[in-house]
Amino acid sequence: MIKPRISVIMASYNHAKYVRKAIESVLAQSIQDFEIVVTDDASDDDTVAEIRTIADARISLAVLPENRGACTAMNASIARARGEFIAVLNSDDIFLPGKLSRQLRYLDENPGIAAVFTWPAFIGEEGGPFVAADHKDGALRHVPNRARHEWLRHFFFNGNALCHPSVMIRRQCLDEIGPYNPALAQLPDLEMWIRLLRHHEIHLIEEPLTAFRIRENNRNASAARPEVLVRDQWEWRKVLEQYLNLDDSLLVRTFPEIAGCGSRSARIWSIAELALGVGRPAHVLFALDAMYKVAMESGDDARYREFIGHTGSYDPFGTLAPLPFHRGIGSSRAAGLAAAPRIVFDGPTLTFKR
């Protein structure tokens, strides 16, 4: 059997109302050299039945026996995909006309680029334009393209800025960096982009070619519900660990502030200080863990004293000042928590600086 150039992969779950339009948006693309590889994550509505009514031999459907999470379903689709390029589509989103052809042409013309993304257009529950100016993902419509180190820096300080279901990635590069991390639910895409950027450049087409659906009543998987907000910070902690895997050259390009540091451990300490400046709980925990390791490895009494000072000055757990939920830093589809308060000793009283 001849392999298609593109494998469109999908993890479907309880999207009976939308999945037909999602698949039809692929079938309507100007380029037709593709397969659609769907793994349903044990939907309990009519999603599977709806997919089976679409008569096209290029659609491959597998149904998991129980709900295992989006990353597991995505990885199952990747494992069955045969294409040279992998394009992601959520089962409630839509490819806009020309999306696949534009991305394929760019990757063919630029062999040094591992993946290409697009801006999203936003649609609402019924498919009409979603125009809420204050939505947390609104800024994604105007993000500029960046070089590899610039993306890494933006992610560190500002969070994700790439629309996951807009990506087309070379299968060879995906195999090189490994699959989605199934232990992550809010930030698996961001964690993957950082792994990819360790080795490769990416590109963003500054044009909306994917329609991203904003569900009502916080029904998107990454909407700002309490459990999402809490989980998001834990996952951010794991995402930040990926920065410690960057080689020295890329690390200095990403954080030019550390260029004068003479050793790897000094660079890590300086990056930890930058994370403390961000102030979000995950960043503070990342910083303290990184500083602890540097101090322990160095055996330097001055490092120990400085580290101990930081552990008494930052309160990432909200021990003395419980942290409220708010819509702060997060992935392109998830929010974060309030900044960890810094404790300031002021005479006989304690004050908290946010």
Protein backbone atom coordinates (compact mmCIF):
# COMPACT_ATOMS: atom_id res chain seq x y z
CA MET A 1 0.00 0.00 0.00
CA ILE A 2 1.32 3.43 -0.95
CA LYS A 3 1.99 5.60 2.07
CA PRO A 4 0.27 8.98 2.21
CA ARG A 5 2.38 12.09 2.58
CA ILE A 6 0.29 13.37 5.49
CA SER A 7 -1.28 11.59 8.43
CA VAL A 8 -3.95 13.69 10.13
CA ILE A 9 -4.18 12.31 13.66
CA MET A 10 -7.12 12.80 15.98
CA ALA A 11 -8.02 11.79 19.52
CA SER A 12 -11.82 11.92 19.70
CA TYR A 13 -13.88 12.06 22.87
CA ASN A 14 -17.56 12.93 23.31
CA HIS A 15 -17.69 15.23 20.30
CA ALA A 16 -20.57 13.66 18.38
CA LYS A 17 -21.86 17.15 17.58
CA TYR A 18 -18.57 18.28 16.02
CA VAL A 19 -16.50 15.33 14.81
CA ARG A 20 -18.15 15.08 11.37
CA LYS A 21 -17.36 18.72 10.59
CA ALA A 22 -13.80 18.18 11.82
CA ILE A 23 -13.24 15.21 9.52
CA GLU A 24 -15.04 16.84 6.59
CA SER A 25 -12.74 19.86 6.91
CA VAL A 26 -9.87 17.48 6.15
CA LEU A 27 -11.66 15.76 3.29
CA ALA A 28 -12.33 19.18 1.73
CA GLN A 29 -8.64 20.19 1.66
CA SER A 30 -7.12 21.03 -1.72
CA ILE A 31 -4.40 18.42 -1.21
CA GLN A 32 -5.80 14.90 -0.98
CA ASP A 33 -2.67 12.84 -0.28
CA PHE A 34 -3.53 12.06 3.34
CA GLU A 35 -4.97 9.55 5.77
CA ILE A 36 -7.07 10.36 8.84
CA VAL A 37 -6.08 8.28 11.87
CA VAL A 38 -8.62 8.51 14.69
CA THR A 39 -8.41 6.96 18.15
CA ASP A 40 -11.57 7.37 20.20
CA ASP A 41 -10.97 7.58 23.92
CA ALA A 42 -14.03 5.51 24.95
CA SER A 43 -16.66 8.16 24.19
CA ASP A 44 -20.00 7.58 25.89
CA ASP A 45 -21.98 9.59 23.33
CA ASP A 46 -22.46 8.95 19.58
CA THR A 47 -18.99 10.08 18.49
CA VAL A 48 -17.91 6.64 17.25
CA ALA A 49 -21.19 6.04 15.42
CA GLU A 50 -20.88 9.45 13.77
CA ILE A 51 -17.35 8.72 12.54
CA ARG A 52 -18.44 5.37 11.13
CA THR A 53 -21.08 7.03 8.95
CA ILE A 54 -18.36 8.85 6.97
CA ALA A 55 -17.56 6.67 3.98
CA ASP A 56 -13.93 7.25 3.07
CA ALA A 57 -11.32 4.50 2.98
CA ARG A 58 -8.65 6.92 4.18
CA ILE A 59 -10.24 7.06 7.65
CA SER A 60 -8.79 4.62 10.17
CA LEU A 61 -10.70 4.34 13.46
CA ALA A 62 -9.69 2.53 16.65
CA VAL A 63 -11.70 2.68 19.88
CA LEU A 64 -10.03 2.35 23.27
CA PRO A 65 -11.85 -0.03 25.66
CA GLU A 66 -11.75 2.56 28.46
CA ASN A 67 -10.98 6.24 28.84
CA ARG A 68 -7.21 6.65 29.08
CA GLY A 69 -6.62 10.32 28.36
CA ALA A 70 -5.96 12.45 25.31
CA CYS A 71 -2.21 11.81 25.19
CA THR A 72 -2.66 8.05 25.20
CA ALA A 73 -5.20 8.34 22.39
CA MET A 74 -2.92 10.68 20.43
CA ASN A 75 0.03 8.35 20.83
CA ALA A 76 -2.11 5.45 19.63
CA SER A 77 -2.97 7.41 16.49
CA ILE A 78 0.69 8.30 15.93
CA ALA A 79 1.66 4.64 16.26
CA ARG A 80 -0.73 3.72 13.41
CA ALA A 81 0.11 6.71 11.21
CA ARG A 82 2.07 6.02 8.02
CA GLY A 83 2.64 9.52 6.65
CA GLU A 84 5.85 11.46 6.22
CA PHE A 85 4.20 14.36 8.02
CA ILE A 86 1.87 14.38 11.04
CA ALA A 87 -0.89 16.98 11.35
CA VAL A 88 -2.92 17.24 14.55
CA LEU A 89 -6.65 17.96 14.59
CA ASN A 90 -8.89 18.02 17.66
CA SER A 91 -12.26 16.35 17.18
CA ASP A 92 -14.12 19.62 17.81
CA ASP A 93 -11.90 21.88 15.68
CA ILE A 94 -11.68 22.53 11.93
CA PHE A 95 -9.01 22.88 9.27
CA LEU A 96 -9.60 25.99 7.17
CA PRO A 97 -9.23 25.82 3.36
CA GLY A 98 -5.65 25.46 2.13
CA LYS A 99 -4.25 24.56 5.55
CA LEU A 100 -2.54 21.29 4.63
CA SER A 101 -1.24 22.46 1.25
CA ARG A 102 0.30 25.62 2.70
CA GLN A 103 2.09 23.73 5.45
CA LEU A 104 3.25 20.90 3.23
CA ARG A 105 4.65 23.33 0.68
CA TYR A 106 6.54 25.21 3.39
CA LEU A 107 8.09 22.05 4.83
CA ASP A 108 9.03 20.79 1.36
CA GLU A 109 10.74 24.10 0.60
CA ASN A 110 12.44 24.37 4.01
CA PRO A 111 13.99 21.00 4.94
CA GLY A 112 15.67 22.52 8.01
CA ILE A 113 12.31 23.25 9.66
CA ALA A 114 10.89 20.44 11.81
CA ALA A 115 7.33 21.70 12.28
CA VAL A 116 5.09 24.46 11.05
CA PHE A 117 2.19 26.06 12.96
CA THR A 118 -0.51 28.57 12.03
CA TRP A 119 -2.54 31.20 13.79
CA PRO A 120 -5.96 30.03 14.97
CA ALA A 121 -9.30 31.52 14.11
CA PHE A 122 -11.77 31.16 16.99
CA ILE A 123 -15.26 29.74 16.58
CA GLY A 124 -18.00 29.33 19.12
CA GLU A 125 -20.25 26.47 20.17
CA GLU A 126 -22.31 26.57 16.96
CA GLY A 127 -19.46 27.37 14.58
CA GLY A 128 -19.82 31.12 14.29
CA PRO A 129 -16.95 33.52 14.96
CA PHE A 130 -15.96 33.81 18.60
CA VAL A 131 -15.09 37.43 19.26
CA ALA A 132 -14.64 37.78 23.05
CA ALA A 133 -11.67 40.14 23.19
CA ASP A 134 -10.69 39.22 26.73
CA HIS A 135 -10.46 35.45 26.22
CA LYS A 136 -7.16 34.05 27.50
CA ASP A 137 -6.24 32.61 24.08
CA GLY A 138 -7.02 35.75 22.12
CA ALA A 139 -3.39 36.85 21.84
CA LEU A 140 -2.55 33.72 19.81
CA ARG A 141 -4.12 35.36 16.77
CA HIS A 142 -1.30 37.91 16.59
CA VAL A 143 1.80 36.03 17.78
CA PRO A 144 4.79 36.68 15.49
CA ASN A 145 7.11 34.00 14.19
CA ARG A 146 10.34 33.61 16.16
CA ALA A 147 13.70 31.86 16.03
CA ARG A 148 14.24 28.74 18.12
CA HIS A 149 15.84 30.46 21.12
CA GLU A 150 13.22 33.22 21.03
CA TRP A 151 10.39 30.66 21.28
CA LEU A 152 12.11 29.04 24.25
CA ARG A 153 12.49 32.37 26.00
CA HIS A 154 8.87 33.33 25.34
CA PHE A 155 7.61 30.02 26.70
CA PHE A 156 9.70 30.37 29.88
CA PHE A 157 8.44 33.84 30.78
CA ASN A 158 5.02 34.01 29.11
CA GLY A 159 3.68 30.50 28.50
CA ASN A 160 2.63 28.73 25.33
CA ALA A 161 1.89 30.77 22.24
CA LEU A 162 1.29 28.04 19.66
CA CYS A 163 -2.05 26.50 18.74
CA HIS A 164 -1.70 22.75 19.17
CA PRO A 165 -4.20 21.62 16.48
CA SER A 166 -2.44 23.83 13.94
CA VAL A 167 0.83 21.87 13.90
CA MET A 168 2.26 19.81 11.06
CA ILE A 169 5.49 18.05 12.06
CA ARG A 170 7.92 15.79 10.26
CA ARG A 171 7.38 12.21 11.39
CA GLN A 172 11.15 11.70 11.55
CA CYS A 173 11.48 14.54 14.07
CA LEU A 174 8.55 13.28 16.12
CA ASP A 175 10.13 9.84 16.32
CA GLU A 176 13.38 11.48 17.41
CA ILE A 177 11.91 13.41 20.36
CA GLY A 178 9.37 10.81 21.46
CA PRO A 179 5.58 10.79 21.94
CA TYR A 180 3.29 12.89 24.10
CA ASN A 181 3.79 12.46 27.83
CA PRO A 182 0.62 10.68 29.05
CA ALA A 183 1.20 11.93 32.61
CA LEU A 184 0.37 15.45 31.41
CA ALA A 185 -3.14 16.70 30.66
CA GLN A 186 -2.83 20.49 30.38
CA LEU A 187 0.62 21.12 28.91
CA PRO A 188 1.68 18.04 26.89
CA ASP A 189 1.94 20.13 23.73
CA LEU A 190 4.17 22.77 25.34
CA GLU A 191 6.39 20.10 26.88
CA MET A 192 6.72 18.53 23.42
CA TRP A 193 7.55 21.84 21.72
CA ILE A 194 10.42 22.41 24.16
CA ARG A 195 11.77 18.92 23.49
CA LEU A 196 11.53 19.65 19.77
CA LEU A 197 13.25 23.03 20.07
CA ARG A 198 16.24 21.43 21.78
CA HIS A 199 17.24 20.15 18.34
CA HIS A 200 15.22 21.89 15.62
CA GLU A 201 13.80 25.12 14.30
CA ILE A 202 10.06 25.60 13.86
CA HIS A 203 8.00 28.10 11.87
CA LEU A 204 4.70 29.90 12.39
CA ILE A 205 2.58 30.91 9.39
CA GLU A 206 1.11 34.23 10.47
CA GLU A 207 -2.32 33.48 9.08
CA PRO A 208 -5.37 31.71 10.59
CA LEU A 209 -5.59 28.28 8.95
CA THR A 210 -7.11 26.31 11.85
CA ALA A 211 -10.43 27.06 13.56
CA PHE A 212 -10.25 26.48 17.30
CA ARG A 213 -13.61 25.99 19.01
CA ILE A 214 -14.32 27.77 22.31
CA ARG A 215 -16.98 25.80 24.17
CA GLU A 216 -19.57 27.37 26.46
CA ASN A 217 -19.55 26.94 30.24
CA ASN A 218 -15.85 26.03 30.43
CA ARG A 219 -16.32 22.76 28.56
CA ASN A 220 -13.01 22.85 26.73
CA ALA A 221 -10.63 20.30 28.22
CA SER A 222 -8.30 23.11 29.24
CA ALA A 223 -10.85 25.70 30.35
CA ALA A 224 -10.11 27.52 33.60
CA ARG A 225 -11.82 25.12 35.98
CA PRO A 226 -10.33 24.69 39.47
CA GLU A 227 -8.84 21.25 38.81
CA VAL A 228 -7.27 22.54 35.59
CA LEU A 229 -5.73 25.52 37.34
CA VAL A 230 -4.17 23.35 40.03
CA ARG A 231 -2.93 20.68 37.62
CA ASP A 232 -1.54 23.33 35.29
CA GLN A 233 0.95 24.53 37.89
CA TRP A 234 2.19 21.03 38.65
CA GLU A 235 2.69 20.41 34.93
CA TRP A 236 4.45 23.74 34.52
CA ARG A 237 6.98 22.49 37.04
CA LYS A 238 7.73 19.50 34.79
CA VAL A 239 7.84 21.67 31.67
CA LEU A 240 10.44 23.97 33.22
CA GLU A 241 12.69 21.00 33.94
CA GLN A 242 13.15 20.61 30.19
CA TYR A 243 15.19 23.82 30.14
CA LEU A 244 17.90 22.08 32.15
CA ASN A 245 18.38 19.72 29.19
CA LEU A 246 19.33 22.52 26.77
CA ASP A 247 22.98 22.56 25.74
CA ASP A 248 25.13 25.50 26.87
CA SER A 249 25.07 27.29 23.51
CA LEU A 250 21.27 27.25 23.24
CA LEU A 251 20.93 28.06 26.93
CA VAL A 252 22.96 31.26 26.53
CA ARG A 253 21.11 32.26 23.37
CA THR A 254 17.81 31.77 25.20
CA PHE A 255 18.95 33.61 28.33
CA PRO A 256 21.62 36.16 27.31
CA GLU A 257 21.59 37.40 30.93
CA ILE A 258 23.69 34.36 31.88
CA ALA A 259 26.37 34.81 29.21
CA GLY A 260 28.92 35.97 31.79
CA CYS A 261 28.52 32.89 33.98
CA GLY A 262 31.65 30.79 33.77
CA SER A 263 30.26 27.35 34.59
CA ARG A 264 27.19 25.26 33.88
CA SER A 265 26.17 25.34 37.55
CA ALA A 266 26.48 29.14 37.63
CA ARG A 267 24.26 29.36 34.55
CA ILE A 268 21.63 27.12 36.13
CA TRP A 269 21.69 29.24 39.30
CA SER A 270 21.16 32.40 37.23
CA ILE A 271 18.25 30.83 35.32
CA ALA A 272 16.74 29.88 38.68
CA GLU A 273 16.99 33.52 39.72
CA LEU A 274 15.13 34.49 36.54
CA ALA A 275 12.43 31.97 37.45
CA LEU A 276 12.12 33.50 40.92
CA GLY A 277 11.51 36.80 39.17
CA VAL A 278 8.57 35.30 37.27
CA GLY A 279 7.13 34.45 40.67
CA ARG A 280 4.50 31.86 39.73
CA PRO A 281 4.39 28.89 42.13
CA ALA A 282 5.74 26.45 39.54
CA HIS A 283 8.57 28.80 38.61
CA VAL A 284 9.48 29.30 42.27
CA LEU A 285 9.52 25.56 42.96
CA PHE A 286 11.60 24.97 39.84
CA ALA A 287 14.02 27.68 40.95
CA LEU A 288 14.40 26.35 44.50
CA ASP A 289 14.91 22.78 43.28
CA ALA A 290 17.55 23.92 40.77
CA MET A 291 19.33 26.04 43.39
CA TYR A 292 19.28 23.17 45.88
CA LYS A 293 21.01 20.85 43.40
CA VAL A 294 23.65 23.47 42.54
CA ALA A 295 24.32 24.17 46.22
CA MET A 296 24.60 20.49 47.09
CA GLU A 297 26.94 19.77 44.19
CA SER A 298 29.14 22.78 44.89
CA GLY A 299 29.47 22.40 48.66
CA ASP A 300 29.86 26.18 48.73
CA ASP A 301 28.82 27.70 52.07
CA ALA A 302 27.86 30.97 50.37
CA ARG A 303 25.50 29.08 48.03
CA TYR A 304 23.94 27.28 51.00
CA ARG A 305 23.29 30.56 52.81
CA GLU A 306 21.80 32.22 49.74
CA PHE A 307 19.61 29.21 49.05
CA ILE A 308 18.33 29.05 52.62
CA GLY A 309 17.51 32.73 52.41
CA HIS A 310 15.35 32.09 49.34
CA THR A 311 13.50 29.17 50.95
CA GLY A 312 12.45 31.47 53.77
CA SER A 313 11.51 34.34 51.46
CA TYR A 314 9.20 32.62 48.97
CA ASP A 315 5.98 30.80 49.80
CA PRO A 316 5.00 28.77 46.70
CA PHE A 317 2.67 26.55 48.72
CA GLY A 318 0.70 29.47 50.13
CA THR A 319 1.49 28.26 53.65
CA LEU A 320 1.05 31.69 55.21
CA ALA A 321 -1.06 33.33 52.50
CA PRO A 322 -3.33 30.88 50.60
CA LEU A 323 -3.17 31.49 46.87
CA PRO A 324 -6.39 32.47 45.06
CA PHE A 325 -7.18 31.11 41.63
CA HIS A 326 -6.87 33.51 38.77
CA ARG A 327 -6.35 33.42 35.04
CA GLY A 328 -2.62 33.83 34.75
CA ILE A 329 0.27 32.13 32.99
CA GLY A 330 -0.46 28.77 31.41
CA SER A 331 -0.56 26.91 28.14
CA SER A 332 -2.36 28.19 25.09
CA ARG A 333 -5.47 26.55 26.53
CA ALA A 334 -4.97 26.66 30.30
CA ALA A 335 -4.57 29.30 32.98
CA GLY A 336 -2.34 29.41 36.04
CA LEU A 337 -2.30 30.48 39.67
CA ALA A 338 -1.47 33.72 41.38
CA ALA A 339 2.16 34.59 41.93
CA ALA A 340 3.73 32.98 44.96
CA PRO A 341 3.99 35.65 47.63
CA ARG A 342 7.41 36.75 48.76
CA ILE A 343 7.70 37.13 52.51
CA VAL A 344 9.19 40.39 53.74
CA PHE A 345 10.09 40.75 57.41
CA ASP A 346 9.19 44.27 58.49
CA GLY A 347 9.93 44.78 62.17
CA PRO A 348 7.63 42.62 64.30
CA THR A 349 5.20 41.89 61.45
CA LEU A 350 5.19 39.88 58.25
CA THR A 351 4.07 41.36 54.95
CA PHE A 352 3.55 39.58 51.63
CA LYS A 353 4.67 40.97 48.28
CA ARG A 354 2.90 39.62 45.20
